[in-house]
Amino acid sequence: MNYAEIKKCDVANGPGVRVSLFVSGCTHHCKECFNPETWNFNYGQLFTEDTEAKILKFMEPDYIKGLTLLGGEPLEYCNQQGLLPLLRKVKKLYPAKSIWCFTGYDFEKDVTGRMVDEWEETKELLSYIDVMVDGEFMADKKDLGLAFKGSSNQRTILVQESLVSGMIVYLEQE
């Protein structure tokens, strides 16, 4: 897996100050994507154990509220494989810090409807994610007034609550 960028003090991609990892590789190719260079799976730098250690170190301070995964597309299969060891460590070291994931995939149709059956990594990966913003960015539904979303079709989902209830549970935002 490659990654495009790590932001160690991000306030735009989830609540509070967060560490954000922008992975490389995306097959959605959304019109007017804000990060089209990350479509290329070979873009950026190789994600290594040293990269993982750096992210874990960035997450140490109490003011860091969690980790956000973006891209590119974190839920591309090769990215799930690369992210899984990191998420295991984050949840072990920082159980009170949240993990957010931005994906162009649809939660019911793609993630729980297909990926969990096709790839063993998906189910475990989901067990670590607290909030998922799902749905492709749609330029014709772009709305700069939305919290943590680019277009009105995207949803902010409480993953664990949704998995337990079998229904989508949304994060209520002020």
Protein backbone atom coordinates (compact mmCIF):
# COMPACT_ATOMS: atom_id res chain seq x y z
CA MET A 1 0.00 0.00 0.00
CA ASN A 2 1.11 3.53 -0.72
CA TYR A 3 -0.01 6.73 0.95
CA ALA A 4 -0.17 10.29 -0.27
CA GLU A 5 0.02 12.22 2.98
CA ILE A 6 -0.18 12.11 6.75
CA LYS A 7 -1.56 15.14 8.57
CA LYS A 8 -0.64 15.09 12.23
CA CYS A 9 -2.98 17.93 13.28
CA ASP A 10 -6.08 17.81 11.07
CA VAL A 11 -9.27 19.61 12.13
CA ALA A 12 -11.21 19.24 8.86
CA ASN A 13 -11.82 15.49 8.69
CA GLY A 14 -13.63 14.55 11.87
CA PRO A 15 -14.23 16.05 15.31
CA GLY A 16 -11.38 17.58 17.26
CA VAL A 17 -7.72 17.45 16.33
CA ARG A 18 -6.97 14.22 14.47
CA VAL A 19 -4.22 12.38 12.67
CA SER A 20 -5.28 11.81 9.06
CA LEU A 21 -3.87 9.25 6.65
CA PHE A 22 -4.53 9.75 2.94
CA VAL A 23 -3.99 6.40 1.20
CA SER A 24 -3.23 6.03 -2.51
CA GLY A 25 -5.44 4.19 -4.94
CA CYS A 26 -9.05 4.75 -5.90
CA THR A 27 -11.22 3.31 -8.64
CA HIS A 28 -14.18 5.70 -8.15
CA HIS A 29 -12.67 8.66 -10.07
CA CYS A 30 -15.35 11.07 -8.86
CA LYS A 31 -15.86 14.15 -11.01
CA GLU A 32 -14.19 17.17 -9.34
CA CYS A 33 -12.41 14.97 -6.80
CA PHE A 34 -10.36 17.14 -4.44
CA ASN A 35 -7.49 14.62 -4.50
CA PRO A 36 -7.28 13.08 -8.01
CA GLU A 37 -3.56 12.36 -7.73
CA THR A 38 -4.46 9.71 -5.15
CA TRP A 39 -6.37 7.66 -7.73
CA ASN A 40 -3.02 6.11 -8.70
CA PHE A 41 -2.21 3.15 -6.44
CA ASN A 42 1.52 3.88 -6.87
CA TYR A 43 1.28 7.56 -5.93
CA GLY A 44 3.17 8.84 -2.90
CA GLN A 45 5.26 6.76 -0.55
CA LEU A 46 5.30 3.14 0.49
CA PHE A 47 3.41 2.49 3.74
CA THR A 48 5.89 0.69 6.01
CA GLU A 49 6.24 -0.29 9.66
CA ASP A 50 8.13 2.99 10.13
CA THR A 51 5.14 4.88 8.72
CA GLU A 52 2.87 2.99 11.08
CA ALA A 53 5.13 3.83 14.05
CA LYS A 54 5.12 7.51 13.06
CA ILE A 55 1.29 7.58 12.99
CA LEU A 56 1.09 5.87 16.38
CA LYS A 57 3.55 8.42 17.80
CA PHE A 58 1.53 11.32 16.33
CA MET A 59 -1.53 9.93 18.12
CA GLU A 60 0.07 9.96 21.59
CA PRO A 61 -0.93 13.45 22.79
CA ASP A 62 -4.18 13.69 24.75
CA TYR A 63 -5.45 16.46 22.46
CA ILE A 64 -5.49 14.05 19.49
CA LYS A 65 -9.06 12.72 19.34
CA GLY A 66 -8.47 9.99 16.78
CA LEU A 67 -7.39 8.76 13.38
CA THR A 68 -9.09 9.52 10.08
CA LEU A 69 -8.62 7.39 6.95
CA LEU A 70 -9.11 9.06 3.58
CA GLY A 71 -7.70 8.85 0.13
CA GLY A 72 -7.72 7.72 -2.39
CA GLU A 73 -9.99 4.98 -1.17
CA PRO A 74 -9.27 3.25 2.17
CA LEU A 75 -11.64 0.39 1.34
CA GLU A 76 -9.94 -0.72 -1.88
CA TYR A 77 -8.93 -4.31 -1.14
CA CYS A 78 -5.16 -3.72 -1.14
CA ASN A 79 -5.65 -0.71 1.15
CA GLN A 80 -7.75 -2.73 3.59
CA GLN A 81 -4.87 -5.21 3.80
CA GLY A 82 -2.40 -2.39 4.44
CA LEU A 83 -4.58 -0.60 7.01
CA LEU A 84 -5.62 -3.58 9.10
CA PRO A 85 -2.36 -3.94 11.10
CA LEU A 86 -2.40 -0.19 11.82
CA LEU A 87 -6.01 -0.22 13.06
CA ARG A 88 -5.32 -3.19 15.32
CA LYS A 89 -2.52 -1.23 16.98
CA VAL A 90 -4.49 2.02 17.19
CA LYS A 91 -7.40 0.32 18.98
CA LYS A 92 -5.02 -1.52 21.33
CA LEU A 93 -2.93 1.54 22.24
CA TYR A 94 -5.66 4.18 22.09
CA PRO A 95 -9.03 2.49 22.73
CA ALA A 96 -10.72 5.80 23.65
CA LYS A 97 -9.72 7.52 20.40
CA SER A 98 -12.09 7.27 17.46
CA ILE A 99 -11.37 5.99 13.97
CA TRP A 100 -13.17 7.66 11.08
CA CYS A 101 -13.13 6.36 7.51
CA PHE A 102 -14.16 8.25 4.38
CA THR A 103 -15.18 5.97 1.53
CA GLY A 104 -16.81 6.32 -1.85
CA TYR A 105 -18.42 2.94 -1.35
CA ASP A 106 -22.01 2.57 -0.14
CA PHE A 107 -22.21 1.07 3.36
CA GLU A 108 -25.10 -1.36 2.74
CA LYS A 109 -24.62 -2.16 -0.94
CA ASP A 110 -20.83 -2.41 -1.11
CA VAL A 111 -19.31 -2.69 2.36
CA THR A 112 -21.72 -4.89 4.32
CA GLY A 113 -23.52 -6.19 1.23
CA ARG A 114 -20.51 -7.46 -0.69
CA MET A 115 -17.06 -6.79 0.78
CA VAL A 116 -17.62 -8.59 4.09
CA ASP A 117 -18.46 -11.75 2.15
CA GLU A 118 -15.64 -11.42 -0.40
CA TRP A 119 -12.74 -10.36 1.83
CA GLU A 120 -12.05 -11.55 5.37
CA GLU A 121 -10.24 -8.28 6.13
CA THR A 122 -13.39 -6.17 5.75
CA LYS A 123 -15.25 -7.57 8.75
CA GLU A 124 -12.27 -7.07 11.07
CA LEU A 125 -11.55 -3.64 9.62
CA LEU A 126 -15.16 -2.61 10.30
CA SER A 127 -14.83 -3.75 13.90
CA TYR A 128 -12.30 -0.95 14.47
CA ILE A 129 -14.08 1.88 12.63
CA ASP A 130 -16.33 4.13 14.70
CA VAL A 131 -17.65 6.44 12.00
CA MET A 132 -17.85 6.03 8.23
CA VAL A 133 -18.68 8.77 5.77
CA ASP A 134 -19.92 6.82 2.76
CA GLY A 135 -20.85 7.55 -0.84
CA GLU A 136 -19.03 8.93 -3.82
CA PHE A 137 -18.51 12.67 -4.01
CA MET A 138 -21.06 14.06 -6.48
CA ALA A 139 -20.18 17.45 -7.93
CA ASP A 140 -23.85 18.25 -8.67
CA LYS A 141 -24.66 17.69 -4.97
CA LYS A 142 -21.65 19.59 -3.62
CA ASP A 143 -22.49 21.46 -0.42
CA LEU A 144 -19.77 23.37 1.43
CA GLY A 145 -22.10 23.81 4.42
CA LEU A 146 -22.08 20.12 5.36
CA ALA A 147 -19.99 18.97 8.31
CA PHE A 148 -17.28 16.50 7.23
CA LYS A 149 -18.88 15.78 3.83
CA GLY A 150 -18.49 17.19 0.35
CA SER A 151 -21.87 16.36 -1.17
CA SER A 152 -25.39 15.89 0.15
CA ASN A 153 -25.62 12.23 -0.89
CA GLN A 154 -22.89 11.25 1.57
CA ARG A 155 -23.85 9.90 4.99
CA THR A 156 -22.12 9.97 8.37
CA ILE A 157 -22.71 6.51 9.84
CA LEU A 158 -22.06 5.18 13.34
CA VAL A 159 -20.54 1.87 12.26
CA GLN A 160 -20.70 -0.21 15.44
CA GLU A 161 -24.26 0.85 16.24
CA SER A 162 -25.32 0.11 12.65
CA LEU A 163 -23.73 -3.34 12.68
CA VAL A 164 -25.44 -4.25 15.96
CA SER A 165 -28.88 -2.94 14.99
CA GLY A 166 -28.83 -4.14 11.38
CA MET A 167 -30.01 -0.66 10.36
CA ILE A 168 -28.12 2.51 9.51
CA VAL A 169 -27.56 4.67 12.57
CA TYR A 170 -26.46 8.19 11.73
CA LEU A 171 -24.12 10.43 13.69
CA GLU A 172 -26.13 13.41 14.83
CA GLN A 173 -24.20 16.61 14.16
CA GLU A 174 -24.89 20.09 15.41
